[in-house]
């Protein structure tokens, strides 16, 4: 007998390797208004910081000292990008620029508006908003 599923499954977190998990967490706190949910020693050594909201987060893993970690990753191997949904895409783009990143690939098509940016490790993020665009009544 199969169990009935009352709601679709959701992604709770994504775990990515970064050269400096504390630095990456600070950037995501500044840009997206997230908070650190947990930080500590990773099970296999190294350091992990969980940063996000109460229900969803990125687990940022940094290998232990002496273990190799690329400073920059090759786009698309295996990760193409991480999509982050926001309400105010213009405000977030301003914060992305302030953090020193260059937004690109701006597009507006159903069902939302979006842009992309690479962090210093060459991890690509898509920022998307499904909020209606407010017209200036001027």
N, C-alpha and C. Protein backbone atom coordinates (compact mmCIF):
# COMPACT_ATOMS: atom_id res chain seq x y z
N UNK A 1 0.85 -1.18 0.00
CA UNK A 1 0.00 0.00 0.00
C UNK A 1 0.89 1.24 0.00
N UNK A 2 0.59 2.20 -0.87
CA UNK A 2 1.38 3.42 -0.93
C UNK A 2 0.79 4.48 -0.02
N UNK A 3 1.68 5.29 0.51
CA UNK A 3 1.25 6.36 1.40
C UNK A 3 0.84 7.57 0.55
N UNK A 4 -0.24 8.21 0.92
CA UNK A 4 -0.71 9.39 0.23
C UNK A 4 0.17 10.59 0.59
N UNK A 5 0.58 11.35 -0.40
CA UNK A 5 1.36 12.56 -0.16
C UNK A 5 0.40 13.73 -0.21
N UNK A 6 0.36 14.52 0.87
CA UNK A 6 -0.59 15.62 0.96
C UNK A 6 -0.10 16.89 0.30
N UNK A 7 1.21 17.03 0.17
CA UNK A 7 1.76 18.21 -0.48
C UNK A 7 3.03 17.80 -1.21
N UNK A 8 3.38 18.54 -2.23
CA UNK A 8 4.60 18.18 -2.96
C UNK A 8 5.84 18.38 -2.09
N UNK A 9 6.85 17.63 -2.38
CA UNK A 9 8.12 17.79 -1.66
C UNK A 9 8.74 19.14 -2.00
N UNK A 10 9.55 19.68 -1.09
CA UNK A 10 10.21 20.96 -1.28
C UNK A 10 11.70 20.79 -1.02
N UNK A 11 12.50 21.60 -1.65
CA UNK A 11 13.93 21.60 -1.36
C UNK A 11 14.13 22.34 -0.04
N UNK A 12 14.75 21.66 0.91
CA UNK A 12 15.00 22.26 2.21
C UNK A 12 16.33 23.00 2.23
N UNK A 13 17.35 22.41 1.59
CA UNK A 13 18.64 23.09 1.48
C UNK A 13 19.44 22.55 0.31
N UNK A 14 20.42 23.33 -0.07
CA UNK A 14 21.41 22.94 -1.06
C UNK A 14 22.76 23.11 -0.38
N UNK A 15 23.62 22.10 -0.51
CA UNK A 15 24.94 22.13 0.12
C UNK A 15 25.98 22.35 -0.97
N UNK A 16 26.74 23.44 -0.86
CA UNK A 16 27.77 23.72 -1.85
C UNK A 16 29.11 23.93 -1.16
N UNK A 17 30.18 23.64 -1.87
CA UNK A 17 31.53 23.83 -1.37
C UNK A 17 32.02 25.21 -1.80
N UNK A 18 32.55 25.94 -0.85
CA UNK A 18 33.10 27.27 -1.12
C UNK A 18 34.45 27.38 -0.41
N UNK A 19 35.35 28.23 -0.89
CA UNK A 19 36.65 28.36 -0.23
C UNK A 19 36.56 28.89 1.20
N UNK A 20 35.60 29.79 1.47
CA UNK A 20 35.48 30.41 2.80
C UNK A 20 33.99 30.51 3.15
N UNK A 21 33.50 29.57 3.95
CA UNK A 21 32.06 29.52 4.26
C UNK A 21 31.60 30.73 5.07
N UNK A 22 32.43 31.26 5.94
CA UNK A 22 32.04 32.43 6.74
C UNK A 22 31.90 33.66 5.85
N UNK A 23 32.83 33.85 4.93
CA UNK A 23 32.76 34.98 4.00
C UNK A 23 31.49 34.87 3.15
N UNK A 24 31.25 33.69 2.57
CA UNK A 24 30.07 33.50 1.73
C UNK A 24 28.79 33.76 2.52
N UNK A 25 28.72 33.31 3.76
CA UNK A 25 27.53 33.54 4.59
C UNK A 25 27.30 35.04 4.80
N UNK A 26 28.36 35.79 5.07
CA UNK A 26 28.21 37.24 5.26
C UNK A 26 27.65 37.90 4.01
N UNK A 27 28.13 37.48 2.84
CA UNK A 27 27.63 38.05 1.59
C UNK A 27 26.14 37.77 1.43
N UNK A 28 25.71 36.53 1.68
CA UNK A 28 24.29 36.19 1.52
C UNK A 28 23.43 36.89 2.56
N UNK A 29 23.94 37.11 3.74
CA UNK A 29 23.20 37.90 4.73
C UNK A 29 22.98 39.32 4.22
N UNK A 30 24.02 39.93 3.64
CA UNK A 30 23.94 41.30 3.14
C UNK A 30 23.00 41.42 1.95
N UNK A 31 23.12 40.51 1.01
CA UNK A 31 22.33 40.62 -0.23
C UNK A 31 20.88 40.21 -0.01
N UNK A 32 20.65 39.05 0.59
CA UNK A 32 19.31 38.49 0.64
C UNK A 32 18.60 38.66 1.97
N UNK A 33 19.27 39.25 2.97
CA UNK A 33 18.63 39.44 4.27
C UNK A 33 18.47 38.14 5.04
N UNK A 34 19.25 37.14 4.68
CA UNK A 34 19.21 35.86 5.38
C UNK A 34 19.94 35.95 6.70
N UNK A 35 19.85 34.90 7.49
CA UNK A 35 20.59 34.83 8.75
C UNK A 35 21.26 33.46 8.87
N UNK A 36 22.30 33.42 9.70
CA UNK A 36 22.98 32.15 9.95
C UNK A 36 22.11 31.33 10.88
N UNK A 37 21.76 30.15 10.43
CA UNK A 37 20.95 29.22 11.22
C UNK A 37 21.82 28.32 12.10
N UNK A 38 23.02 28.01 11.59
CA UNK A 38 23.93 27.12 12.31
C UNK A 38 25.31 27.26 11.70
N UNK A 39 26.33 27.07 12.51
CA UNK A 39 27.70 27.01 12.01
C UNK A 39 28.47 26.06 12.90
N UNK A 40 29.43 25.37 12.30
CA UNK A 40 30.23 24.47 13.09
C UNK A 40 31.06 23.55 12.24
N UNK A 41 31.70 22.60 12.92
CA UNK A 41 32.55 21.64 12.25
C UNK A 41 31.70 20.70 11.41
N UNK A 42 32.17 20.47 10.17
CA UNK A 42 31.48 19.55 9.28
C UNK A 42 31.79 18.12 9.69
N UNK A 43 30.90 17.19 9.36
CA UNK A 43 31.07 15.79 9.74
C UNK A 43 32.39 15.22 9.23
N UNK A 44 32.80 15.61 8.03
CA UNK A 44 34.02 15.06 7.44
C UNK A 44 35.21 16.00 7.61
N UNK A 45 35.14 16.88 8.57
CA UNK A 45 36.17 17.89 8.75
C UNK A 45 35.78 19.15 8.01
N UNK A 46 36.55 20.18 8.18
CA UNK A 46 36.19 21.44 7.55
C UNK A 46 35.15 22.19 8.37
N UNK A 47 34.53 23.16 7.75
CA UNK A 47 33.61 24.06 8.44
C UNK A 47 32.38 24.27 7.58
N UNK A 48 31.21 24.31 8.20
CA UNK A 48 29.96 24.53 7.48
C UNK A 48 29.17 25.65 8.13
N UNK A 49 28.54 26.48 7.31
CA UNK A 49 27.63 27.52 7.78
C UNK A 49 26.31 27.33 7.03
N UNK A 50 25.22 27.27 7.77
CA UNK A 50 23.88 27.22 7.17
C UNK A 50 23.32 28.64 7.20
N UNK A 51 23.03 29.21 6.05
CA UNK A 51 22.52 30.58 5.97
C UNK A 51 21.28 30.58 5.09
N UNK A 52 20.23 31.23 5.57
CA UNK A 52 18.98 31.28 4.81
C UNK A 52 17.84 31.79 5.66
N UNK A 53 16.66 31.23 5.41
CA UNK A 53 15.45 31.59 6.16
C UNK A 53 15.16 30.48 7.18
N UNK A 54 14.03 30.57 7.82
CA UNK A 54 13.66 29.53 8.79
C UNK A 54 13.42 28.18 8.14
N UNK A 55 12.98 28.19 6.87
CA UNK A 55 12.59 26.94 6.21
C UNK A 55 13.52 26.46 5.13
N UNK A 56 14.36 27.33 4.59
CA UNK A 56 15.21 26.97 3.46
C UNK A 56 16.57 27.64 3.63
N UNK A 57 17.62 26.95 3.18
CA UNK A 57 18.95 27.53 3.38
C UNK A 57 19.97 26.93 2.44
N UNK A 58 21.10 27.61 2.36
CA UNK A 58 22.28 27.08 1.71
C UNK A 58 23.23 26.59 2.79
N UNK A 59 23.73 25.39 2.63
CA UNK A 59 24.78 24.88 3.51
C UNK A 59 26.09 25.16 2.79
N UNK A 60 26.92 25.98 3.38
CA UNK A 60 28.18 26.41 2.77
C UNK A 60 29.31 25.65 3.45
N UNK A 61 29.92 24.75 2.72
CA UNK A 61 30.97 23.89 3.27
C UNK A 61 32.33 24.34 2.77
N UNK A 62 33.28 24.47 3.70
CA UNK A 62 34.69 24.73 3.37
C UNK A 62 35.52 23.56 3.88
N UNK A 63 36.35 22.99 3.01
CA UNK A 63 37.18 21.86 3.43
C UNK A 63 38.18 22.26 4.52
N UNK A 64 38.70 21.27 5.25
CA UNK A 64 39.69 21.57 6.29
C UNK A 64 40.98 22.13 5.68
N UNK A 65 41.73 22.85 6.48
CA UNK A 65 43.01 23.41 6.03
C UNK A 65 43.87 22.29 5.45
N UNK A 66 44.51 22.58 4.35
CA UNK A 66 45.37 21.60 3.70
C UNK A 66 44.68 20.73 2.68
N UNK A 67 43.35 20.71 2.67
CA UNK A 67 42.60 19.95 1.66
C UNK A 67 42.29 20.90 0.50
N UNK A 68 42.42 20.40 -0.71
CA UNK A 68 42.23 21.30 -1.86
C UNK A 68 40.78 21.75 -2.02
N UNK A 69 40.64 23.01 -2.36
CA UNK A 69 39.34 23.57 -2.72
C UNK A 69 39.62 24.61 -3.80
N UNK A 70 39.02 24.46 -4.96
CA UNK A 70 39.27 25.46 -6.01
C UNK A 70 38.86 26.85 -5.55
N UNK A 71 39.63 27.82 -5.94
CA UNK A 71 39.24 29.21 -5.68
C UNK A 71 38.11 29.62 -6.62
N UNK A 72 38.11 29.02 -7.81
CA UNK A 72 37.07 29.28 -8.80
C UNK A 72 36.63 27.95 -9.40
N UNK A 73 35.33 27.79 -9.55
CA UNK A 73 34.76 26.57 -10.10
C UNK A 73 34.43 26.79 -11.57
N UNK A 74 34.38 25.72 -12.33
CA UNK A 74 34.00 25.82 -13.73
C UNK A 74 32.48 25.79 -13.83
N UNK A 75 31.92 26.78 -14.51
CA UNK A 75 30.47 26.89 -14.66
C UNK A 75 29.89 25.61 -15.26
N UNK A 76 28.85 25.11 -14.64
CA UNK A 76 28.11 23.99 -15.20
C UNK A 76 28.62 22.61 -14.82
N UNK A 77 29.66 22.53 -14.01
CA UNK A 77 30.20 21.22 -13.62
C UNK A 77 30.14 21.04 -12.11
N UNK A 78 29.20 20.37 -11.57
CA UNK A 78 27.95 19.90 -12.17
C UNK A 78 26.82 20.91 -12.01
N UNK A 79 27.07 22.00 -11.34
CA UNK A 79 26.02 22.96 -11.00
C UNK A 79 25.91 24.05 -12.07
N UNK A 80 24.72 24.26 -12.61
CA UNK A 80 24.53 25.35 -13.56
C UNK A 80 24.30 26.67 -12.85
N UNK A 81 23.34 26.72 -11.97
CA UNK A 81 23.14 27.90 -11.14
C UNK A 81 22.19 27.57 -10.00
N UNK A 82 22.14 28.47 -9.03
CA UNK A 82 21.21 28.37 -7.92
C UNK A 82 20.23 29.52 -8.07
N UNK A 83 18.93 29.21 -8.10
CA UNK A 83 17.89 30.23 -8.26
C UNK A 83 17.39 30.70 -6.91
N UNK A 84 17.35 32.03 -6.75
CA UNK A 84 16.88 32.65 -5.52
C UNK A 84 15.69 33.53 -5.86
N UNK A 85 14.54 33.27 -5.24
CA UNK A 85 13.35 34.08 -5.48
C UNK A 85 13.30 35.25 -4.51
N UNK A 86 13.03 36.44 -5.05
CA UNK A 86 12.94 37.66 -4.24
C UNK A 86 11.68 38.42 -4.62
N UNK A 87 11.26 39.33 -3.75
CA UNK A 87 10.11 40.17 -4.05
C UNK A 87 10.52 41.42 -4.83
N UNK A 88 11.60 42.08 -4.37
CA UNK A 88 12.03 43.35 -4.97
C UNK A 88 13.35 43.14 -5.71
N UNK A 89 13.25 42.81 -6.97
CA UNK A 89 14.44 42.47 -7.76
C UNK A 89 15.35 43.68 -7.96
N UNK A 90 14.80 44.87 -8.02
CA UNK A 90 15.61 46.08 -8.20
C UNK A 90 16.46 46.32 -6.96
N UNK A 91 15.87 46.21 -5.79
CA UNK A 91 16.62 46.41 -4.54
C UNK A 91 17.71 45.35 -4.39
N UNK A 92 17.41 44.12 -4.74
CA UNK A 92 18.41 43.05 -4.62
C UNK A 92 19.55 43.28 -5.61
N UNK A 93 19.23 43.73 -6.82
CA UNK A 93 20.30 44.01 -7.77
C UNK A 93 21.24 45.09 -7.24
N UNK A 94 20.70 46.08 -6.58
CA UNK A 94 21.53 47.13 -5.97
C UNK A 94 22.47 46.52 -4.94
N UNK A 95 21.96 45.61 -4.12
CA UNK A 95 22.80 44.96 -3.10
C UNK A 95 23.85 44.04 -3.73
N UNK A 96 23.49 43.38 -4.82
CA UNK A 96 24.45 42.53 -5.54
C UNK A 96 25.61 43.40 -6.04
N UNK A 97 25.28 44.55 -6.62
CA UNK A 97 26.33 45.46 -7.11
C UNK A 97 27.19 45.98 -5.96
N UNK A 98 26.55 46.35 -4.84
CA UNK A 98 27.30 46.84 -3.67
C UNK A 98 28.27 45.79 -3.14
N UNK A 99 27.89 44.52 -3.27
CA UNK A 99 28.75 43.43 -2.81
C UNK A 99 29.92 43.19 -3.77
N UNK A 100 29.92 43.90 -4.90
CA UNK A 100 31.02 43.80 -5.84
C UNK A 100 30.81 42.84 -6.98
N UNK A 101 29.58 42.37 -7.17
CA UNK A 101 29.29 41.43 -8.25
C UNK A 101 28.65 42.16 -9.42
N UNK A 102 28.74 41.56 -10.60
CA UNK A 102 28.22 42.18 -11.81
C UNK A 102 26.99 41.43 -12.31
N UNK A 103 25.80 42.02 -12.18
CA UNK A 103 24.60 41.37 -12.71
C UNK A 103 24.64 41.33 -14.24
N UNK A 104 24.06 40.27 -14.81
CA UNK A 104 23.99 40.14 -16.27
C UNK A 104 22.77 39.30 -16.60
N UNK A 105 22.50 39.17 -17.90
CA UNK A 105 21.42 38.30 -18.37
C UNK A 105 20.05 38.73 -17.92
N UNK A 106 19.82 40.03 -17.83
CA UNK A 106 18.51 40.53 -17.41
C UNK A 106 17.47 40.10 -18.43
N UNK A 107 16.36 39.60 -17.92
CA UNK A 107 15.30 39.18 -18.82
C UNK A 107 13.97 39.30 -18.11
N UNK A 108 12.93 39.51 -18.88
CA UNK A 108 11.58 39.64 -18.36
C UNK A 108 10.66 38.84 -19.26
N UNK A 109 10.34 37.64 -18.82
CA UNK A 109 9.41 36.80 -19.57
C UNK A 109 8.61 35.98 -18.57
N UNK A 110 7.47 35.50 -19.00
CA UNK A 110 6.61 34.72 -18.11
C UNK A 110 7.39 33.53 -17.58
N UNK A 111 7.34 33.28 -16.31
CA UNK A 111 6.47 33.94 -15.34
C UNK A 111 7.14 35.02 -14.51
N UNK A 112 8.36 35.48 -14.83
CA UNK A 112 8.97 36.49 -13.97
C UNK A 112 10.15 37.20 -14.58
N UNK A 113 10.67 38.16 -13.81
CA UNK A 113 11.86 38.92 -14.19
C UNK A 113 13.06 38.27 -13.53
N UNK A 114 14.25 38.40 -14.15
CA UNK A 114 15.43 37.73 -13.61
C UNK A 114 16.71 38.40 -14.05
N UNK A 115 17.76 38.13 -13.29
CA UNK A 115 19.12 38.43 -13.70
C UNK A 115 20.02 37.40 -13.02
N UNK A 116 21.27 37.39 -13.43
CA UNK A 116 22.24 36.42 -12.93
C UNK A 116 23.48 37.16 -12.42
N UNK A 117 24.25 36.49 -11.58
CA UNK A 117 25.57 36.99 -11.22
C UNK A 117 26.43 35.82 -10.77
N UNK A 118 27.74 35.99 -10.91
CA UNK A 118 28.70 35.01 -10.42
C UNK A 118 29.33 35.55 -9.14
N UNK A 119 29.51 34.69 -8.14
CA UNK A 119 30.27 35.11 -6.97
C UNK A 119 31.76 34.96 -7.28
N UNK A 120 32.62 35.25 -6.30
CA UNK A 120 34.05 35.21 -6.57
C UNK A 120 34.58 33.81 -6.83
N UNK A 121 33.82 32.77 -6.50
CA UNK A 121 34.22 31.40 -6.79
C UNK A 121 33.67 30.90 -8.11
N UNK A 122 33.01 31.80 -8.86
CA UNK A 122 32.42 31.48 -10.16
C UNK A 122 31.17 30.61 -10.04
N UNK A 123 30.52 30.65 -8.90
CA UNK A 123 29.23 29.98 -8.74
C UNK A 123 28.17 30.96 -9.23
N UNK A 124 27.31 30.48 -10.13
CA UNK A 124 26.30 31.35 -10.72
C UNK A 124 25.00 31.30 -9.92
N UNK A 125 24.42 32.48 -9.72
CA UNK A 125 23.14 32.62 -9.04
C UNK A 125 22.16 33.32 -9.98
N UNK A 126 20.95 32.80 -10.03
CA UNK A 126 19.86 33.46 -10.74
C UNK A 126 18.95 34.09 -9.70
N UNK A 127 18.67 35.37 -9.85
CA UNK A 127 17.74 36.07 -8.97
C UNK A 127 16.48 36.30 -9.79
N UNK A 128 15.36 35.82 -9.26
CA UNK A 128 14.10 35.89 -10.01
C UNK A 128 13.00 36.46 -9.11
N UNK A 129 12.12 37.24 -9.73
CA UNK A 129 10.97 37.78 -9.01
C UNK A 129 9.70 37.48 -9.81
N UNK A 130 8.70 37.00 -9.09
CA UNK A 130 7.40 36.75 -9.70
C UNK A 130 6.40 37.82 -9.29
N UNK A 131 6.87 38.83 -8.55
CA UNK A 131 6.00 39.92 -8.12
C UNK A 131 5.63 40.76 -9.33
N UNK A 132 4.42 41.29 -9.34
CA UNK A 132 4.02 42.14 -10.48
C UNK A 132 4.88 43.40 -10.51
N UNK A 133 5.17 43.87 -11.72
CA UNK A 133 5.94 45.09 -11.89
C UNK A 133 4.99 46.26 -11.69
N UNK A 134 5.35 47.15 -10.77
CA UNK A 134 4.53 48.33 -10.50
C UNK A 134 4.92 49.44 -11.47
N UNK A 135 3.93 49.99 -12.12
CA UNK A 135 4.16 51.08 -13.07
C UNK A 135 4.17 52.41 -12.31
N UNK A 136 5.02 53.32 -12.72
CA UNK A 136 5.11 54.63 -12.11
C UNK A 136 3.92 55.46 -12.58
N UNK A 137 3.13 55.97 -11.61
CA UNK A 137 1.92 56.72 -11.95
C UNK A 137 2.20 58.20 -12.20
N UNK A 138 3.39 58.68 -11.84
CA UNK A 138 3.95 59.98 -12.00
C UNK A 138 3.14 61.11 -12.24
